[in-house]
Amino acid sequence: MHPHDLLFAMFRAAVDAASPARCLAQYLPQRPTGRVVVVGAGKAAAEMARAVEEQWHEQLSGLVVTRYGHALPCRQIEVVEAGHPNPDAAGHEAAVRIRDLLKGLSADDLVLALWSGGGSALLSLPAEGITLADKRSINQQLLRSGASIGEINCVRKHLSAIKGGRLAQLAHPAQVVSLIISDVPGDDPSVVASGPTVADDTTREQALEILERYDLNVPEHVTQWLRSERAETPKAGDERLSQVRNILIATPMASLRAAAACAREQGVQPLILGDAIEGEARECARVLAGVALSCATHGQPLSAPCVLISGGETTVSVRGRGRGGRNAEFLLSLSLALRSHPQIWALACDTDGIDGTEDNAGARIGPDTLGRATGWGLNLAALLDDNDAYRAFDVLNDLIVTGPTRTNVNDFRAILIERGSVAGRTEYAQLPRRDA
């Protein structure tokens, strides 16, 4: 199998392991004596809703919100599309409707909540006195600041009327069962979609500190809200969260293990470096390049053929004017650090099929990436400085475009080190050429 084919097969194995059609059914609760209301938000929400309908043969109703282009038809559960990563009016309207669905429920009723990555932006119901425009502005600044997903979600929770456990408060006294596909380092359910049904251990003081640390331009009425006790989210022990169960049904590590199994089947030894790698994408690339070069040169920590697998969510501090998500930026930096090493190939993709805000899942590199870039007149170092990785891989025809996968367990990175005896191969797997 060609290196690029193996790397892509590993990526598909990781995505398939997190497919709601495969992993959701076993976690469905027993039918209650009362009503069943399904709500949810995230990039996997439509696929999760469909999986519920295929397995739940009783009456139910509800509404879930997903990203534009990610919807699927369902029979009983309404699917609404909204903006991501920046909240929009459609997401706000969906949040209002979900809030209204939860009014007047009894202890005999069940709320089946479906959460996945992206739910924070998709389900936007600002707190009292805060506008959608306020949240959009702050969200855009946070995304460009280099703040971690945990920091971003801390702020989001304390500016919301529905996140950070507040949705579960609205549903009380009904039973709430949340099925969660984790896209966050550490699989903390309070971070996925900003934890609408999970007690929050972050504080409004931390949210204020994050805004100050990144020197964001924040309206005075927003900071005044965060200084108010009303901005605090529900904590562990809150009686209104006592009937809630939060269940992880898919995780990044489970997907990395599926990818590792795929590699073993091809006689390649895998090493999972971790599912929670964070930091600047370009810096993480330099570190992992060093590990890959050590494997190729010294056989440590593994001897070739081997593959280094990792997940997590890196960040990009945007300083240039180019295009490209964190996976493309990671690979652009990695290709420069590897200096055309003849044994090393790599792929980096977001498991949701969307690298940041672009139309690609990620990209790939090989030993000839730098040489082909030179042939096309591309200065990869300059493109990296301008955060323009998308352009580089588009010209090289090395973008990986899958379309929405309708799941999300964060980023998938794989660096393959071949045996030295196959160095210098010229075979190259071709992706279909996209129109310019």
Protein backbone atom coordinates (compact mmCIF):
# COMPACT_ATOMS: atom_id res chain seq x y z
CA MET A 1 0.00 0.00 0.00
CA HIS A 2 1.34 3.43 -0.92
CA PRO A 3 2.16 5.62 2.10
CA HIS A 4 -0.53 8.17 1.29
CA ASP A 5 -3.11 5.40 0.86
CA LEU A 6 -2.21 3.94 4.25
CA LEU A 7 -2.38 7.32 5.97
CA PHE A 8 -5.78 8.05 4.48
CA ALA A 9 -7.06 4.57 5.43
CA MET A 10 -5.99 5.29 9.01
CA PHE A 11 -7.85 8.59 8.94
CA ARG A 12 -11.00 6.88 7.67
CA ALA A 13 -10.70 4.27 10.43
CA ALA A 14 -10.50 7.06 13.01
CA VAL A 15 -13.58 8.78 11.60
CA ASP A 16 -15.57 5.54 11.29
CA ALA A 17 -14.89 4.67 14.94
CA ALA A 18 -16.69 7.88 15.95
CA SER A 19 -19.66 7.48 13.60
CA PRO A 20 -22.95 7.85 15.52
CA ALA A 21 -24.41 5.04 13.43
CA ARG A 22 -21.82 2.72 15.00
CA CYS A 23 -21.48 3.99 18.55
CA LEU A 24 -24.75 5.56 19.72
CA ALA A 25 -27.32 2.76 19.99
CA GLN A 26 -25.77 0.95 22.96
CA TYR A 27 -26.10 4.06 25.14
CA LEU A 28 -29.79 4.84 24.62
CA PRO A 29 -31.75 4.93 27.91
CA GLN A 30 -34.96 3.09 28.71
CA ARG A 31 -38.21 4.64 27.62
CA PRO A 32 -39.77 6.88 30.31
CA THR A 33 -43.43 6.89 31.30
CA GLY A 34 -43.79 10.43 29.97
CA ARG A 35 -42.66 12.33 26.89
CA VAL A 36 -39.32 12.08 25.09
CA VAL A 37 -37.84 15.35 23.87
CA VAL A 38 -34.63 15.28 21.82
CA VAL A 39 -32.41 18.36 21.71
CA GLY A 40 -28.82 18.85 20.69
CA ALA A 41 -26.14 20.81 18.91
CA GLY A 42 -22.89 20.15 17.13
CA LYS A 43 -21.34 19.03 13.88
CA ALA A 44 -22.51 15.47 14.58
CA ALA A 45 -26.02 16.48 15.73
CA ALA A 46 -27.88 15.48 12.55
CA GLU A 47 -26.17 12.10 12.30
CA MET A 48 -26.81 11.51 16.00
CA ALA A 49 -30.49 12.41 15.59
CA ARG A 50 -30.83 10.01 12.68
CA ALA A 51 -29.16 7.24 14.72
CA VAL A 52 -31.64 7.86 17.55
CA GLU A 53 -34.59 7.59 15.18
CA GLU A 54 -33.27 4.36 13.68
CA GLN A 55 -33.03 2.74 17.11
CA TRP A 56 -35.91 4.38 19.01
CA HIS A 57 -39.18 2.91 17.82
CA GLU A 58 -41.45 4.94 20.11
CA GLN A 59 -42.87 8.44 19.75
CA LEU A 60 -40.46 11.32 20.22
CA SER A 61 -40.02 14.92 19.13
CA GLY A 62 -37.36 17.58 19.27
CA LEU A 63 -34.88 19.81 17.52
CA VAL A 64 -31.13 19.73 16.94
CA VAL A 65 -28.89 22.33 15.33
CA THR A 66 -25.85 21.60 13.17
CA ARG A 67 -23.47 23.46 10.91
CA TYR A 68 -24.50 24.62 7.44
CA GLY A 69 -24.07 21.74 5.02
CA HIS A 70 -24.18 19.08 7.76
CA ALA A 71 -27.95 18.41 7.92
CA LEU A 72 -29.63 15.08 7.23
CA PRO A 73 -33.36 14.38 6.86
CA CYS A 74 -35.04 12.95 9.96
CA ARG A 75 -38.63 11.81 10.46
CA GLN A 76 -39.53 13.15 13.91
CA ILE A 77 -36.59 15.32 14.98
CA GLU A 78 -36.23 18.68 13.27
CA VAL A 79 -32.71 19.52 12.06
CA VAL A 80 -31.75 23.19 11.78
CA GLU A 81 -28.53 24.53 10.25
CA ALA A 82 -26.67 27.51 11.69
CA GLY A 83 -23.34 29.34 11.62
CA HIS A 84 -20.02 27.94 12.77
CA PRO A 85 -17.50 28.97 14.06
CA ASN A 86 -19.23 32.33 14.45
CA PRO A 87 -22.77 32.32 15.91
CA ASP A 88 -25.58 33.66 13.75
CA ALA A 89 -29.29 34.46 13.94
CA ALA A 90 -30.28 30.91 12.92
CA GLY A 91 -28.37 29.46 15.87
CA HIS A 92 -29.91 32.02 18.19
CA GLU A 93 -33.42 31.20 16.98
CA ALA A 94 -32.77 27.47 17.38
CA ALA A 95 -31.54 28.03 20.95
CA VAL A 96 -34.70 29.97 21.80
CA ARG A 97 -36.84 27.16 20.38
CA ILE A 98 -34.88 24.51 22.31
CA ARG A 99 -35.33 26.52 25.50
CA ASP A 100 -39.08 26.64 24.85
CA LEU A 101 -39.24 22.87 24.24
CA LEU A 102 -37.93 22.31 27.75
CA LYS A 103 -40.60 24.37 29.49
CA GLY A 104 -43.19 22.57 31.60
CA LEU A 105 -41.60 19.13 31.64
CA SER A 106 -42.31 16.75 34.52
CA ALA A 107 -40.26 14.18 36.40
CA ASP A 108 -41.81 11.50 34.15
CA ASP A 109 -40.38 13.06 30.99
CA LEU A 110 -37.00 12.43 29.37
CA VAL A 111 -34.76 14.92 27.63
CA LEU A 112 -32.34 13.10 25.34
CA ALA A 113 -29.56 15.59 24.61
CA LEU A 114 -27.05 15.07 21.78
CA TRP A 115 -23.82 17.06 22.04
CA SER A 116 -20.75 17.18 19.84
CA GLY A 117 -17.99 19.60 18.90
CA GLY A 118 -19.16 22.87 17.41
CA GLY A 119 -22.21 23.05 19.66
CA SER A 120 -20.90 26.13 21.46
CA ALA A 121 -21.14 28.36 18.40
CA LEU A 122 -24.22 26.66 16.97
CA LEU A 123 -26.35 27.03 20.09
CA SER A 124 -26.20 30.71 20.91
CA LEU A 125 -28.51 32.23 23.52
CA PRO A 126 -26.80 35.25 25.09
CA ALA A 127 -27.21 36.06 28.77
CA GLU A 128 -29.32 38.96 29.94
CA GLY A 129 -28.20 42.29 28.48
CA ILE A 130 -25.74 40.72 26.02
CA THR A 131 -26.45 40.76 22.30
CA LEU A 132 -25.67 38.25 19.60
CA ALA A 133 -23.39 40.88 18.06
CA ASP A 134 -21.46 41.05 21.35
CA LYS A 135 -20.97 37.29 21.36
CA ARG A 136 -19.95 37.20 17.70
CA SER A 137 -17.35 39.92 18.20
CA ILE A 138 -15.85 38.30 21.29
CA ASN A 139 -15.89 34.85 19.67
CA GLN A 140 -14.09 36.12 16.56
CA GLN A 141 -11.44 37.82 18.67
CA LEU A 142 -10.90 34.69 20.77
CA LEU A 143 -10.55 32.50 17.69
CA ARG A 144 -7.84 34.78 16.32
CA SER A 145 -6.07 35.28 19.64
CA GLY A 146 -4.55 31.81 20.02
CA ALA A 147 -6.70 31.06 23.08
CA SER A 148 -7.24 27.36 23.83
CA ILE A 149 -10.64 25.74 23.33
CA GLY A 150 -10.99 25.49 27.10
CA GLU A 151 -10.42 29.22 27.50
CA ILE A 152 -12.83 30.03 24.69
CA ASN A 153 -15.53 27.84 26.22
CA CYS A 154 -15.03 29.34 29.68
CA VAL A 155 -15.91 32.75 28.25
CA ARG A 156 -18.78 31.36 26.18
CA LYS A 157 -20.38 29.68 29.21
CA HIS A 158 -20.44 32.84 31.28
CA LEU A 159 -21.96 34.90 28.48
CA SER A 160 -24.72 32.36 27.79
CA ALA A 161 -28.21 31.62 29.09
CA ILE A 162 -27.99 27.97 28.02
CA LYS A 163 -24.38 26.72 28.31
CA GLY A 164 -22.41 25.62 31.36
CA GLY A 165 -25.22 23.50 32.84
CA ARG A 166 -27.96 26.05 32.35
CA LEU A 167 -29.90 23.98 29.82
CA ALA A 168 -30.21 21.16 32.38
CA GLN A 169 -31.54 23.69 34.87
CA LEU A 170 -34.23 24.66 32.35
CA ALA A 171 -35.23 20.99 31.91
CA HIS A 172 -35.59 20.28 35.64
CA PRO A 173 -37.35 18.18 37.00
CA ALA A 174 -37.24 15.99 33.87
CA GLN A 175 -34.66 13.26 33.50
CA VAL A 176 -31.80 14.35 31.24
CA VAL A 177 -29.53 11.90 29.43
CA SER A 178 -26.78 13.52 27.38
CA LEU A 179 -24.95 11.47 24.77
CA ILE A 180 -21.66 13.17 24.01
CA ILE A 181 -19.07 12.82 21.24
CA SER A 182 -15.91 14.35 22.68
CA ASP A 183 -13.73 16.65 20.61
CA VAL A 184 -11.74 18.09 23.50
CA PRO A 185 -8.41 17.23 25.14
CA GLY A 186 -9.09 15.22 28.27
CA ASP A 187 -12.68 14.35 27.26
CA ASP A 188 -14.14 16.72 29.85
CA PRO A 189 -17.91 16.69 29.11
CA SER A 190 -18.23 20.19 30.53
CA VAL A 191 -16.14 21.48 27.62
CA VAL A 192 -17.91 19.71 24.72
CA ALA A 193 -20.38 22.26 23.29
CA SER A 194 -19.61 24.26 26.45
CA GLY A 195 -21.42 21.67 28.58
CA PRO A 196 -25.10 22.68 28.43
CA THR A 197 -26.03 19.84 30.82
CA VAL A 198 -22.84 19.64 32.90
CA ALA A 199 -21.94 21.44 36.12
CA ASP A 200 -19.25 24.01 35.40
CA ASP A 201 -16.06 24.27 37.43
CA THR A 202 -14.85 27.44 35.72
CA THR A 203 -15.77 30.84 37.11
CA ARG A 204 -16.79 34.26 35.89
CA GLU A 205 -13.55 35.61 37.37
CA GLN A 206 -11.60 33.25 35.09
CA ALA A 207 -13.64 34.43 32.11
CA LEU A 208 -12.74 38.04 32.92
CA GLU A 209 -9.07 37.12 33.28
CA ILE A 210 -9.06 35.41 29.85
CA LEU A 211 -10.54 38.50 28.19
CA GLU A 212 -7.88 40.66 29.87
CA ARG A 213 -5.00 38.27 29.10
CA TYR A 214 -5.70 38.34 25.38
CA ASP A 215 -6.40 42.06 25.45
CA LEU A 216 -9.77 41.76 23.75
CA ASN A 217 -11.95 44.71 22.87
CA VAL A 218 -15.00 44.03 25.06
CA PRO A 219 -17.96 46.36 25.69
CA GLU A 220 -18.29 47.67 29.22
CA HIS A 221 -21.73 46.09 29.71
CA VAL A 222 -20.19 42.66 29.05
CA THR A 223 -17.50 43.10 31.70
CA GLN A 224 -20.15 44.45 34.08
CA TRP A 225 -22.19 41.29 33.51
CA LEU A 226 -19.19 39.09 34.28
CA ARG A 227 -18.63 40.98 37.53
CA SER A 228 -22.20 40.17 38.56
CA GLU A 229 -23.03 37.05 40.59
CA ARG A 230 -25.80 36.32 38.10
CA ALA A 231 -23.12 35.47 35.53
CA GLU A 232 -21.95 32.47 37.56
CA THR A 233 -22.75 29.04 36.15
CA PRO A 234 -24.25 26.12 38.16
CA LYS A 235 -21.73 24.05 40.07
CA ALA A 236 -21.55 20.43 41.21
CA GLY A 237 -24.22 19.67 43.78
CA ASP A 238 -26.85 21.93 42.23
CA GLU A 239 -30.20 20.22 42.87
CA ARG A 240 -31.49 21.11 39.41
CA LEU A 241 -28.73 18.97 37.89
CA SER A 242 -29.46 15.94 40.07
CA GLN A 243 -31.45 14.06 37.37
CA VAL A 244 -28.75 14.41 34.70
CA ARG A 245 -26.55 11.68 33.23
CA ASN A 246 -23.74 12.68 30.87
CA ILE A 247 -22.35 9.79 28.79
CA LEU A 248 -19.34 9.84 26.46
CA ILE A 249 -20.12 7.67 23.44
CA ALA A 250 -17.06 8.44 21.27
CA THR A 251 -13.66 9.86 22.13
CA PRO A 252 -10.46 10.91 20.36
CA MET A 253 -8.46 8.08 21.95
CA ALA A 254 -10.88 5.44 20.70
CA SER A 255 -10.43 6.82 17.18
CA LEU A 256 -6.64 6.89 17.48
CA ARG A 257 -6.71 3.25 18.58
CA ALA A 258 -8.80 2.37 15.52
CA ALA A 259 -6.21 4.08 13.32
CA ALA A 260 -3.42 2.20 15.11
CA ALA A 261 -5.17 -1.11 14.42
CA CYS A 262 -5.38 -0.18 10.74
CA ALA A 263 -1.61 0.43 10.68
CA ARG A 264 -0.85 -2.90 12.35
CA GLU A 265 -2.89 -4.72 9.73
CA GLN A 266 -0.41 -3.35 7.15
CA GLY A 267 2.63 -4.40 9.15
CA VAL A 268 3.41 -0.89 10.40
CA GLN A 269 4.09 -0.39 14.10
CA PRO A 270 2.02 2.48 15.56
CA LEU A 271 2.85 4.74 18.47
CA ILE A 272 0.05 6.87 19.88
CA LEU A 273 1.68 10.01 21.20
CA GLY A 274 -1.48 11.29 22.85
CA ASP A 275 -5.00 12.51 22.20
CA ALA A 276 -4.64 15.89 23.92
CA ILE A 277 -1.75 17.64 22.17
CA GLU A 278 -2.20 21.40 22.26
CA GLY A 279 -0.12 24.45 21.42
CA GLU A 280 0.73 26.47 18.33
CA ALA A 281 0.35 24.24 15.26
CA ARG A 282 3.69 25.24 13.77
CA GLU A 283 5.55 24.62 17.03
CA CYS A 284 3.92 21.22 17.58
CA ALA A 285 5.00 20.33 14.04
CA ARG A 286 8.64 21.11 14.81
CA VAL A 287 8.55 18.91 17.92
CA LEU A 288 6.95 15.97 16.11
CA ALA A 289 9.36 16.39 13.21
CA GLY A 290 12.18 15.82 15.68
CA VAL A 291 10.57 12.59 16.90
CA ALA A 292 10.02 11.37 13.33
CA LEU A 293 13.61 12.14 12.35
CA SER A 294 14.85 10.22 15.40
CA CYS A 295 12.82 7.19 14.30
CA ALA A 296 14.28 7.40 10.80
CA THR A 297 17.86 7.98 11.91
CA HIS A 298 18.21 6.12 15.22
CA GLY A 299 15.22 3.77 15.39
CA GLN A 300 14.03 5.54 18.54
CA PRO A 301 11.43 5.59 19.97
CA LEU A 302 10.42 3.17 17.18
CA SER A 303 12.19 1.66 14.23
CA ALA A 304 10.76 1.87 10.73
CA PRO A 305 8.28 1.04 9.40
CA CYS A 306 6.31 2.90 12.02
CA VAL A 307 3.74 5.64 12.33
CA LEU A 308 3.37 8.36 14.95
CA ILE A 309 -0.29 9.08 15.70
CA SER A 310 -1.65 12.00 17.67
CA GLY A 311 -4.81 13.96 18.34
CA GLY A 312 -5.89 17.04 20.21
CA GLU A 313 -6.46 20.59 19.08
CA THR A 314 -3.61 22.89 18.18
CA THR A 315 -4.08 26.62 17.73
CA VAL A 316 -3.07 29.19 15.16
CA SER A 317 -2.29 32.75 16.18
CA VAL A 318 -3.26 34.54 13.00
CA ARG A 319 -0.71 37.17 12.03
CA GLY A 320 -0.86 36.95 8.25
CA ARG A 321 -3.60 37.42 5.69
CA GLY A 322 -3.64 33.96 4.16
CA ARG A 323 -6.02 31.01 4.36
CA GLY A 324 -5.70 27.72 6.13
CA GLY A 325 -6.72 25.81 9.23
CA ARG A 326 -4.56 24.41 11.98
CA ASN A 327 -3.97 21.05 10.25
CA ALA A 328 -2.71 22.63 7.04
CA GLU A 329 -0.52 24.99 9.04
CA PHE A 330 0.83 22.03 11.04
CA LEU A 331 1.78 20.21 7.84
CA LEU A 332 3.36 23.25 6.21
CA SER A 333 5.60 23.70 9.24
CA LEU A 334 6.28 19.95 9.38
CA SER A 335 7.37 19.81 5.74
CA LEU A 336 9.88 22.60 6.33
CA ALA A 337 11.23 20.92 9.47
CA LEU A 338 11.63 17.52 7.75
CA ARG A 339 13.63 19.01 4.87
CA SER A 340 12.46 16.46 2.29
CA HIS A 341 13.53 13.43 4.32
CA PRO A 342 13.06 10.52 1.90
CA GLN A 343 11.44 8.17 4.41
CA ILE A 344 8.78 10.38 5.98
CA TRP A 345 5.18 11.05 4.93
CA ALA A 346 2.36 12.68 6.88
CA LEU A 347 -1.33 13.51 6.96
CA ALA A 348 -3.24 15.87 9.24
CA CYS A 349 -7.02 16.29 9.09
CA ASP A 350 -9.90 17.39 11.25
CA THR A 351 -12.23 14.45 11.82
CA ASP A 352 -15.26 16.66 11.12
CA GLY A 353 -14.06 17.12 7.53
CA ILE A 354 -13.49 20.87 7.91
CA ASP A 355 -10.07 22.33 8.72
CA GLY A 356 -10.97 25.56 10.48
CA THR A 357 -13.29 27.46 8.15
CA GLU A 358 -12.06 26.03 4.85
CA ASP A 359 -13.57 23.35 2.60
CA ASN A 360 -10.81 20.79 3.18
CA ALA A 361 -10.41 18.30 6.02
CA GLY A 362 -6.65 18.81 5.95
CA ALA A 363 -3.74 17.92 3.72
CA ARG A 364 -0.80 15.57 3.21
CA ILE A 365 2.94 15.81 2.62
CA GLY A 366 5.65 13.50 1.32
CA PRO A 367 9.39 13.52 0.62
CA ASP A 368 8.87 15.48 -2.58
CA THR A 369 6.68 18.26 -1.15
CA LEU A 370 9.46 20.86 -0.96
CA GLY A 371 10.78 19.97 -4.41
CA ARG A 372 7.38 20.21 -6.05
CA ALA A 373 6.73 23.50 -4.24
CA THR A 374 9.92 24.91 -5.71
CA GLY A 375 8.81 23.74 -9.14
CA TRP A 376 5.57 25.68 -8.72
CA GLY A 377 7.43 28.79 -7.54
CA LEU A 378 6.08 28.51 -3.99
CA ASN A 379 8.05 29.86 -1.03
CA LEU A 380 6.67 27.65 1.74
CA ALA A 381 8.40 29.56 4.53
CA ALA A 382 6.84 32.82 3.33
CA LEU A 383 3.44 31.16 3.03
CA LEU A 384 3.76 29.87 6.59
CA ASP A 385 4.58 33.38 7.81
CA ASP A 386 1.41 34.60 6.09
CA ASN A 387 -0.75 31.78 7.53
CA ASP A 388 -1.39 30.74 3.91
CA ALA A 389 -1.09 26.95 4.10
CA TYR A 390 -4.32 26.39 2.17
CA ARG A 391 -2.87 28.07 -0.92
CA ALA A 392 0.30 25.98 -0.73
CA PHE A 393 -1.50 22.65 -0.62
CA ASP A 394 -4.13 23.74 -3.12
CA VAL A 395 -1.43 24.49 -5.71
CA LEU A 396 0.30 21.19 -4.90
CA ASN A 397 -3.04 19.33 -5.18
CA ASP A 398 -2.46 17.93 -1.70
CA LEU A 399 -5.57 19.20 0.05
CA ILE A 400 -7.74 16.40 1.41
CA VAL A 401 -11.40 17.14 0.78
CA THR A 402 -13.92 14.74 2.30
CA GLY A 403 -16.96 16.92 2.85
CA PRO A 404 -18.72 16.85 6.23
CA THR A 405 -18.15 13.58 8.10
CA ARG A 406 -20.97 14.41 10.57
CA THR A 407 -18.88 13.43 13.54
CA ASN A 408 -16.08 15.20 15.38
CA VAL A 409 -13.36 13.82 17.65
CA ASN A 410 -10.93 16.62 16.89
CA ASP A 411 -7.73 16.53 14.88
CA PHE A 412 -6.02 13.44 13.53
CA ARG A 413 -2.31 13.50 12.70
CA ALA A 414 -0.19 10.62 11.43
CA ILE A 415 3.50 10.68 10.48
CA LEU A 416 4.69 7.57 8.66
CA ILE A 417 8.35 6.58 8.65
CA GLU A 418 9.27 4.02 5.99
CA ARG A 419 12.27 1.71 5.94
CA GLY A 420 15.36 3.28 4.44
CA SER A 421 15.45 0.69 1.69
CA VAL A 422 12.43 2.24 0.01
CA ALA A 423 13.81 5.77 0.08
CA GLY A 424 13.71 7.60 -3.20
CA ARG A 425 10.50 6.07 -4.51
CA THR A 426 8.82 8.21 -7.12
CA GLU A 427 5.37 6.61 -6.96
CA TYR A 428 2.83 9.19 -5.86
CA ALA A 429 -0.85 8.65 -5.12
CA GLN A 430 -2.98 11.16 -6.97
CA LEU A 431 -5.95 13.04 -5.61
CA PRO A 432 -8.55 14.17 -8.15
CA ARG A 433 -7.55 17.59 -9.41
CA ARG A 434 -9.96 20.26 -8.26
CA ASP A 435 -11.01 23.15 -10.45
CA ALA A 436 -9.10 26.32 -9.68
